[in-house]
Amino acid sequence: MNRDRSPERPPPVRMCVRCEQVTDDPVLVHEVHGASGPGWNVYACRRCAPLFPPPVDVFDLLRGD
């Protein structure tokens, strides 16, 4: 018998940054870093995601790679 009473987590729902349609299958296309606080993530739908360049690691930029 399953005694776990925690509710099922809903699927992630995000708005595509390009077409502005809501998707339950979001793709992370960019991370915005905050200088004085937490940053945020930018998502796209599966159809628009290939139109974005690959995410850049901010630490690679700082190292000069």
Protein backbone atom coordinates (compact mmCIF):
# COMPACT_ATOMS: atom_id res chain seq x y z
CA MET A 1 0.00 0.00 0.00
CA ASN A 2 1.39 3.42 -1.01
CA ARG A 3 1.29 5.76 1.99
CA ASP A 4 2.83 8.69 0.14
CA ARG A 5 0.15 11.37 0.20
CA SER A 6 2.14 14.08 -1.53
CA PRO A 7 0.30 15.44 -4.56
CA GLU A 8 1.58 14.69 -8.02
CA ARG A 9 3.66 17.54 -9.41
CA PRO A 10 2.03 19.22 -12.39
CA PRO A 11 4.01 19.33 -15.64
CA PRO A 12 6.13 22.45 -16.15
CA VAL A 13 4.17 25.10 -18.04
CA ARG A 14 6.04 28.03 -19.56
CA MET A 15 5.48 30.65 -22.23
CA CYS A 16 7.68 30.53 -25.32
CA VAL A 17 9.79 33.67 -25.51
CA ARG A 18 9.49 33.74 -29.31
CA CYS A 19 5.92 32.80 -30.27
CA GLU A 20 4.39 33.55 -26.83
CA GLN A 21 2.42 30.30 -26.82
CA VAL A 22 2.11 28.36 -23.56
CA THR A 23 3.83 24.97 -23.67
CA ASP A 24 3.97 22.04 -21.26
CA ASP A 25 7.20 20.86 -22.92
CA PRO A 26 9.50 23.89 -22.48
CA VAL A 27 13.14 24.00 -23.61
CA LEU A 28 15.67 26.12 -21.73
CA VAL A 29 17.23 28.49 -24.28
CA HIS A 30 18.92 31.09 -22.08
CA GLU A 31 19.87 31.82 -18.46
CA VAL A 32 19.85 35.43 -17.30
CA HIS A 33 22.19 35.99 -14.37
CA GLY A 34 21.40 38.69 -11.83
CA ALA A 35 24.18 40.83 -10.42
CA SER A 36 22.46 41.50 -7.11
CA GLY A 37 20.05 38.61 -6.82
CA PRO A 38 18.77 35.47 -8.44
CA GLY A 39 18.55 35.30 -12.20
CA TRP A 40 15.89 33.63 -14.30
CA ASN A 41 15.53 31.17 -17.13
CA VAL A 42 14.17 31.83 -20.61
CA TYR A 43 12.17 29.08 -22.29
CA ALA A 44 10.95 28.30 -25.79
CA CYS A 45 8.58 25.71 -27.20
CA ARG A 46 9.98 22.69 -29.09
CA ARG A 47 9.14 24.30 -32.44
CA CYS A 48 10.99 27.59 -31.72
CA ALA A 49 13.92 26.23 -29.66
CA PRO A 50 16.12 25.31 -32.68
CA LEU A 51 16.00 28.97 -33.78
CA PHE A 52 18.04 30.06 -30.74
CA PRO A 53 21.82 29.75 -30.49
CA PRO A 54 23.14 27.30 -27.90
CA PRO A 55 23.20 28.69 -24.35
CA VAL A 56 26.47 30.36 -23.35
CA ASP A 57 28.07 29.51 -20.02
CA VAL A 58 28.77 32.84 -18.34
CA PHE A 59 31.82 31.37 -16.60
CA ASP A 60 33.36 30.56 -19.99
CA LEU A 61 33.02 34.25 -20.87
CA LEU A 62 34.73 35.30 -17.66
CA ARG A 63 37.64 32.89 -18.27
CA GLY A 64 37.99 34.04 -21.87
CA ASP A 65 37.46 30.55 -23.38
